[in-house]
Amino acid sequence: MATLIGIYRAEGGVFQEFRRALGRRVGSHACWLSQLTHSPRKPTARWRTLEQAIESEFDHTFSLVYRNTRTPEQEAASAGREPCVLIDDGQGHLSMMVDWNDLEMAGGDIERFERILRSKLLMY
C-alpha cells in the first residue's frame, strides 16, 4: 500500500491556524492544497470522500503535513516545491505526484483536483 502525502505551504501551530482562518475569511490564502482540504476548522466532507475513493480504488492512503512537521525524507523530496503531493511507495521511496502547478490549476476545485490526481495515479 502506498501513501499519498500532501504537504502544505504553511507551518503548523495554533497561531498559524488562526492566521490561516483569518486569511480564508478575507479571501486570501497561502496554499492551494489547503483550499482543497480545509474548511476553517477541519477537512471538508468532499475531501474525506476523495480520500475514501482513492483508498478504495487504488489502495492508497492520504496523509497531510505542514512544512515544519515533515520527515527529513519528505523535506528532501519537497523542499521549495510546496504545496505538493508526494507518493511513498511503501518501501520508503518518495516521488512527486502532484506539484504546486497542478494544485494551482485545480484552483480549489476538488473535482478538478481529483481528475489531475487520478491521471497521475494511473500513469504511476
N, C-alpha and C. Protein backbone atom coordinates (compact mmCIF):
# COMPACT_ATOMS: atom_id res chain seq x y z
N MET A 1 0.84 -1.17 0.00
CA MET A 1 0.00 0.00 0.00
C MET A 1 0.89 1.24 0.00
N ALA A 2 0.59 2.16 -0.87
CA ALA A 2 1.32 3.42 -0.96
C ALA A 2 0.58 4.49 -0.15
N THR A 3 1.32 5.49 0.22
CA THR A 3 0.75 6.63 0.94
C THR A 3 0.96 7.90 0.13
N LEU A 4 -0.10 8.65 -0.05
CA LEU A 4 0.00 9.98 -0.66
C LEU A 4 0.17 10.97 0.47
N ILE A 5 1.15 11.84 0.35
CA ILE A 5 1.47 12.79 1.41
C ILE A 5 1.30 14.20 0.87
N GLY A 6 0.25 14.85 1.31
CA GLY A 6 0.02 16.23 0.92
C GLY A 6 0.81 17.14 1.84
N ILE A 7 1.60 18.03 1.26
CA ILE A 7 2.42 18.93 2.06
C ILE A 7 1.96 20.36 1.82
N TYR A 8 1.50 20.97 2.91
CA TYR A 8 1.04 22.35 2.84
C TYR A 8 2.21 23.32 2.71
N ARG A 9 1.96 24.44 2.09
CA ARG A 9 2.94 25.52 2.06
C ARG A 9 2.66 26.44 3.24
N ALA A 10 2.76 25.85 4.41
CA ALA A 10 2.46 26.57 5.64
C ALA A 10 3.08 25.81 6.81
N GLU A 11 3.24 26.52 7.89
CA GLU A 11 3.74 25.92 9.12
C GLU A 11 2.54 25.54 9.98
N GLY A 12 2.69 24.48 10.76
CA GLY A 12 1.65 24.08 11.68
C GLY A 12 1.77 24.82 13.00
N GLY A 13 0.69 24.87 13.75
CA GLY A 13 0.70 25.50 15.06
C GLY A 13 -0.56 26.32 15.27
N VAL A 14 -0.87 26.58 16.53
CA VAL A 14 -2.11 27.29 16.89
C VAL A 14 -2.14 28.69 16.27
N PHE A 15 -1.07 29.45 16.43
CA PHE A 15 -1.04 30.81 15.88
C PHE A 15 -1.19 30.78 14.36
N GLN A 16 -0.50 29.85 13.71
CA GLN A 16 -0.57 29.76 12.26
C GLN A 16 -1.98 29.38 11.79
N GLU A 17 -2.64 28.48 12.53
CA GLU A 17 -4.01 28.08 12.17
C GLU A 17 -4.95 29.27 12.29
N PHE A 18 -4.79 30.07 13.32
CA PHE A 18 -5.61 31.27 13.49
C PHE A 18 -5.39 32.22 12.31
N ARG A 19 -4.14 32.40 11.95
CA ARG A 19 -3.80 33.29 10.84
C ARG A 19 -4.41 32.79 9.51
N ARG A 20 -4.34 31.48 9.29
CA ARG A 20 -4.93 30.92 8.07
C ARG A 20 -6.45 31.09 8.06
N ALA A 21 -7.10 30.86 9.21
CA ALA A 21 -8.56 31.02 9.29
C ALA A 21 -8.94 32.46 8.98
N LEU A 22 -8.19 33.40 9.50
CA LEU A 22 -8.44 34.81 9.22
C LEU A 22 -8.24 35.10 7.73
N GLY A 23 -7.19 34.55 7.15
CA GLY A 23 -6.93 34.74 5.72
C GLY A 23 -8.04 34.19 4.85
N ARG A 24 -8.59 33.02 5.24
CA ARG A 24 -9.70 32.44 4.47
C ARG A 24 -10.93 33.35 4.53
N ARG A 25 -11.16 33.98 5.69
CA ARG A 25 -12.32 34.86 5.84
C ARG A 25 -12.23 36.09 4.94
N VAL A 26 -11.02 36.59 4.74
CA VAL A 26 -10.87 37.79 3.92
C VAL A 26 -10.54 37.45 2.46
N GLY A 27 -10.52 36.17 2.15
CA GLY A 27 -10.36 35.77 0.76
C GLY A 27 -8.93 35.57 0.30
N SER A 28 -7.98 35.59 1.21
CA SER A 28 -6.61 35.32 0.80
C SER A 28 -6.22 33.92 1.26
N HIS A 29 -5.26 33.36 0.61
CA HIS A 29 -4.79 32.04 1.01
C HIS A 29 -3.32 31.93 0.65
N ALA A 30 -2.65 31.06 1.38
CA ALA A 30 -1.23 30.88 1.15
C ALA A 30 -0.94 29.55 0.48
N CYS A 31 -1.97 28.73 0.32
CA CYS A 31 -1.70 27.36 -0.11
C CYS A 31 -2.89 26.79 -0.88
N TRP A 32 -2.63 26.38 -2.12
CA TRP A 32 -3.69 25.78 -2.93
C TRP A 32 -4.17 24.45 -2.36
N LEU A 33 -3.31 23.71 -1.68
CA LEU A 33 -3.73 22.45 -1.09
C LEU A 33 -4.74 22.68 0.03
N SER A 34 -4.49 23.69 0.86
CA SER A 34 -5.44 23.95 1.95
C SER A 34 -6.79 24.41 1.42
N GLN A 35 -6.80 25.04 0.25
CA GLN A 35 -8.07 25.43 -0.36
C GLN A 35 -8.91 24.20 -0.69
N LEU A 36 -8.25 23.09 -0.98
CA LEU A 36 -8.95 21.85 -1.29
C LEU A 36 -9.36 21.07 -0.05
N THR A 37 -8.52 21.08 0.94
CA THR A 37 -8.71 20.16 2.06
C THR A 37 -9.48 20.70 3.23
N HIS A 38 -9.46 22.01 3.47
CA HIS A 38 -9.97 22.51 4.74
C HIS A 38 -11.05 23.56 4.64
N SER A 39 -12.00 23.39 5.53
CA SER A 39 -12.89 24.47 5.90
C SER A 39 -12.14 25.18 7.02
N PRO A 40 -12.71 26.17 7.64
CA PRO A 40 -11.94 26.85 8.69
C PRO A 40 -11.44 25.96 9.83
N ARG A 41 -12.09 24.84 10.10
CA ARG A 41 -11.69 24.08 11.29
C ARG A 41 -11.24 22.66 11.04
N LYS A 42 -11.64 22.04 9.94
CA LYS A 42 -11.33 20.62 9.75
C LYS A 42 -11.41 20.27 8.27
N PRO A 43 -10.94 19.08 7.90
CA PRO A 43 -11.06 18.67 6.50
C PRO A 43 -12.53 18.67 6.07
N THR A 44 -12.76 19.06 4.84
CA THR A 44 -14.13 19.11 4.33
C THR A 44 -14.65 17.71 4.04
N ALA A 45 -15.96 17.58 4.00
CA ALA A 45 -16.58 16.29 3.68
C ALA A 45 -16.19 15.86 2.28
N ARG A 46 -16.08 16.79 1.36
CA ARG A 46 -15.70 16.46 -0.02
C ARG A 46 -14.28 15.91 -0.06
N TRP A 47 -13.38 16.47 0.76
CA TRP A 47 -12.01 15.96 0.81
C TRP A 47 -11.99 14.54 1.39
N ARG A 48 -12.73 14.32 2.46
CA ARG A 48 -12.78 12.98 3.08
C ARG A 48 -13.36 11.96 2.10
N THR A 49 -14.34 12.37 1.31
CA THR A 49 -14.90 11.48 0.29
C THR A 49 -13.85 11.13 -0.75
N LEU A 50 -13.06 12.10 -1.17
CA LEU A 50 -11.98 11.84 -2.12
C LEU A 50 -10.97 10.88 -1.53
N GLU A 51 -10.57 11.10 -0.27
CA GLU A 51 -9.62 10.19 0.38
C GLU A 51 -10.14 8.76 0.38
N GLN A 52 -11.41 8.59 0.70
CA GLN A 52 -12.00 7.25 0.73
C GLN A 52 -12.04 6.62 -0.66
N ALA A 53 -12.35 7.40 -1.67
CA ALA A 53 -12.40 6.88 -3.04
C ALA A 53 -11.01 6.44 -3.50
N ILE A 54 -9.99 7.23 -3.21
CA ILE A 54 -8.62 6.88 -3.61
C ILE A 54 -8.16 5.62 -2.88
N GLU A 55 -8.50 5.51 -1.61
CA GLU A 55 -8.12 4.31 -0.87
C GLU A 55 -8.84 3.09 -1.41
N SER A 56 -10.11 3.23 -1.70
CA SER A 56 -10.90 2.11 -2.22
C SER A 56 -10.43 1.68 -3.61
N GLU A 57 -10.19 2.64 -4.48
CA GLU A 57 -9.84 2.32 -5.86
C GLU A 57 -8.38 1.95 -6.06
N PHE A 58 -7.47 2.68 -5.40
CA PHE A 58 -6.04 2.48 -5.63
C PHE A 58 -5.32 1.83 -4.46
N ASP A 59 -6.00 1.67 -3.31
CA ASP A 59 -5.41 1.14 -2.09
C ASP A 59 -4.28 2.05 -1.58
N HIS A 60 -4.45 3.36 -1.75
CA HIS A 60 -3.50 4.35 -1.26
C HIS A 60 -4.18 5.16 -0.16
N THR A 61 -3.45 5.39 0.91
CA THR A 61 -3.96 6.25 1.97
C THR A 61 -3.41 7.66 1.78
N PHE A 62 -4.05 8.61 2.43
CA PHE A 62 -3.63 10.01 2.36
C PHE A 62 -3.18 10.48 3.72
N SER A 63 -2.17 11.29 3.74
CA SER A 63 -1.74 11.96 4.96
C SER A 63 -1.41 13.40 4.59
N LEU A 64 -1.68 14.32 5.49
CA LEU A 64 -1.43 15.74 5.25
C LEU A 64 -0.48 16.26 6.31
N VAL A 65 0.55 16.98 5.89
CA VAL A 65 1.53 17.51 6.84
C VAL A 65 1.88 18.95 6.51
N TYR A 66 2.31 19.67 7.53
CA TYR A 66 2.80 21.03 7.34
C TYR A 66 4.31 20.97 7.10
N ARG A 67 4.85 22.04 6.55
CA ARG A 67 6.29 22.07 6.27
C ARG A 67 7.11 21.76 7.51
N ASN A 68 6.72 22.29 8.66
CA ASN A 68 7.53 22.08 9.85
C ASN A 68 7.29 20.73 10.53
N THR A 69 6.43 19.89 9.95
CA THR A 69 6.21 18.56 10.53
C THR A 69 6.64 17.44 9.58
N ARG A 70 7.28 17.78 8.47
CA ARG A 70 7.76 16.77 7.52
C ARG A 70 8.90 15.97 8.11
N THR A 71 9.03 14.74 7.64
CA THR A 71 10.21 13.95 7.96
C THR A 71 11.37 14.49 7.13
N PRO A 72 12.60 14.19 7.49
CA PRO A 72 13.73 14.63 6.66
C PRO A 72 13.63 14.13 5.21
N GLU A 73 13.12 12.93 5.01
CA GLU A 73 12.96 12.39 3.66
C GLU A 73 11.90 13.17 2.87
N GLN A 74 10.80 13.49 3.53
CA GLN A 74 9.76 14.29 2.88
C GLN A 74 10.27 15.68 2.56
N GLU A 75 11.05 16.24 3.45
CA GLU A 75 11.61 17.57 3.20
C GLU A 75 12.55 17.54 2.00
N ALA A 76 13.38 16.51 1.90
CA ALA A 76 14.31 16.40 0.77
C ALA A 76 13.55 16.28 -0.55
N ALA A 77 12.42 15.58 -0.53
CA ALA A 77 11.64 15.37 -1.76
C ALA A 77 10.78 16.56 -2.15
N SER A 78 10.52 17.46 -1.20
CA SER A 78 9.56 18.53 -1.48
C SER A 78 10.08 19.94 -1.25
N ALA A 79 11.24 20.10 -0.67
CA ALA A 79 11.72 21.43 -0.26
C ALA A 79 11.67 22.43 -1.41
N GLY A 80 10.98 23.55 -1.15
CA GLY A 80 10.87 24.61 -2.14
C GLY A 80 9.82 24.38 -3.20
N ARG A 81 9.11 23.25 -3.13
CA ARG A 81 8.10 22.94 -4.15
C ARG A 81 6.72 22.75 -3.53
N GLU A 82 6.52 23.30 -2.35
CA GLU A 82 5.23 23.19 -1.68
C GLU A 82 4.28 24.26 -2.23
N PRO A 83 3.01 23.99 -2.20
CA PRO A 83 2.35 22.77 -1.78
C PRO A 83 2.50 21.69 -2.84
N CYS A 84 2.40 20.46 -2.40
CA CYS A 84 2.54 19.34 -3.33
C CYS A 84 1.97 18.08 -2.70
N VAL A 85 1.93 17.03 -3.50
CA VAL A 85 1.54 15.71 -3.02
C VAL A 85 2.64 14.76 -3.44
N LEU A 86 3.24 14.09 -2.46
CA LEU A 86 4.25 13.07 -2.72
C LEU A 86 3.59 11.71 -2.65
N ILE A 87 4.24 10.71 -3.22
CA ILE A 87 3.80 9.34 -3.04
C ILE A 87 4.95 8.54 -2.45
N ASP A 88 4.65 7.83 -1.38
CA ASP A 88 5.59 6.91 -0.74
C ASP A 88 5.14 5.52 -1.14
N ASP A 89 6.00 4.80 -1.86
CA ASP A 89 5.61 3.50 -2.40
C ASP A 89 5.50 2.39 -1.36
N GLY A 90 5.69 2.71 -0.10
CA GLY A 90 5.60 1.71 0.95
C GLY A 90 6.96 1.13 1.32
N GLN A 91 7.96 1.43 0.52
CA GLN A 91 9.31 0.96 0.80
C GLN A 91 10.26 2.13 1.02
N GLY A 92 9.69 3.28 1.29
CA GLY A 92 10.50 4.45 1.61
C GLY A 92 10.93 5.29 0.43
N HIS A 93 10.50 4.96 -0.78
CA HIS A 93 10.85 5.76 -1.96
C HIS A 93 9.78 6.82 -2.17
N LEU A 94 10.20 8.07 -2.17
CA LEU A 94 9.28 9.18 -2.34
C LEU A 94 9.42 9.79 -3.73
N SER A 95 8.29 10.09 -4.34
CA SER A 95 8.27 10.76 -5.64
C SER A 95 7.22 11.85 -5.62
N MET A 96 7.46 12.89 -6.41
CA MET A 96 6.48 13.96 -6.54
C MET A 96 5.34 13.43 -7.41
N MET A 97 4.12 13.51 -6.89
CA MET A 97 2.94 13.06 -7.64
C MET A 97 2.21 14.26 -8.24
N VAL A 98 1.94 15.26 -7.41
CA VAL A 98 1.22 16.46 -7.83
C VAL A 98 2.04 17.65 -7.33
N ASP A 99 2.42 18.52 -8.24
CA ASP A 99 3.23 19.67 -7.82
C ASP A 99 2.34 20.91 -7.63
N TRP A 100 2.97 22.00 -7.21
CA TRP A 100 2.22 23.23 -6.91
C TRP A 100 1.50 23.75 -8.15
N ASN A 101 2.07 23.53 -9.31
CA ASN A 101 1.44 23.99 -10.54
C ASN A 101 0.13 23.24 -10.79
N ASP A 102 0.14 21.93 -10.56
CA ASP A 102 -1.08 21.13 -10.69
C ASP A 102 -2.14 21.61 -9.70
N LEU A 103 -1.71 21.90 -8.48
CA LEU A 103 -2.65 22.37 -7.46
C LEU A 103 -3.23 23.73 -7.83
N GLU A 104 -2.39 24.60 -8.39
CA GLU A 104 -2.89 25.90 -8.83
C GLU A 104 -3.89 25.72 -9.97
N MET A 105 -3.61 24.79 -10.89
CA MET A 105 -4.55 24.53 -11.99
C MET A 105 -5.89 24.04 -11.47
N ALA A 106 -5.89 23.28 -10.38
CA ALA A 106 -7.14 22.82 -9.79
C ALA A 106 -7.94 23.99 -9.22
N GLY A 107 -7.25 25.04 -8.81
CA GLY A 107 -7.92 26.27 -8.38
C GLY A 107 -8.89 26.12 -7.24
N GLY A 108 -8.64 25.17 -6.33
CA GLY A 108 -9.55 24.98 -5.21
C GLY A 108 -10.77 24.13 -5.53
N ASP A 109 -10.85 23.62 -6.75
CA ASP A 109 -11.98 22.79 -7.19
C ASP A 109 -11.63 21.32 -6.96
N ILE A 110 -12.33 20.67 -6.05
CA ILE A 110 -12.00 19.30 -5.67
C ILE A 110 -12.17 18.32 -6.84
N GLU A 111 -13.18 18.53 -7.69
CA GLU A 111 -13.37 17.64 -8.83
C GLU A 111 -12.22 17.76 -9.83
N ARG A 112 -11.79 18.97 -10.08
CA ARG A 112 -10.66 19.18 -10.99
C ARG A 112 -9.39 18.55 -10.41
N PHE A 113 -9.17 18.74 -9.11
CA PHE A 113 -8.02 18.12 -8.45
C PHE A 113 -8.09 16.60 -8.56
N GLU A 114 -9.26 16.05 -8.35
CA GLU A 114 -9.42 14.59 -8.42
C GLU A 114 -9.06 14.08 -9.81
N ARG A 115 -9.46 14.78 -10.85
CA ARG A 115 -9.10 14.36 -12.22
C ARG A 115 -7.59 14.40 -12.42
N ILE A 116 -6.95 15.45 -11.93
CA ILE A 116 -5.49 15.57 -12.04
C ILE A 116 -4.82 14.43 -11.28
N LEU A 117 -5.25 14.20 -10.05
CA LEU A 117 -4.65 13.16 -9.22
C LEU A 117 -4.85 11.78 -9.83
N ARG A 118 -6.05 11.48 -10.27
CA ARG A 118 -6.32 10.16 -10.87
C ARG A 118 -5.47 9.95 -12.14
N SER A 119 -5.32 10.97 -12.94
CA SER A 119 -4.49 10.81 -14.16
C SER A 119 -3.05 10.50 -13.79
N LYS A 120 -2.54 11.14 -12.75
CA LYS A 120 -1.17 10.88 -12.29
C LYS A 120 -1.05 9.48 -11.70
N LEU A 121 -2.04 9.07 -10.92
CA LEU A 121 -2.01 7.74 -10.33
C LEU A 121 -2.08 6.64 -11.39
N LEU A 122 -2.85 6.85 -12.42
CA LEU A 122 -2.94 5.85 -13.49
C LEU A 122 -1.63 5.72 -14.24
N MET A 123 -0.86 6.82 -14.33
CA MET A 123 0.44 6.76 -15.00
C MET A 123 1.51 6.17 -14.09
N TYR A 124 1.32 6.27 -12.77
CA TYR A 124 2.30 5.80 -11.80
C TYR A 124 2.28 4.31 -11.79
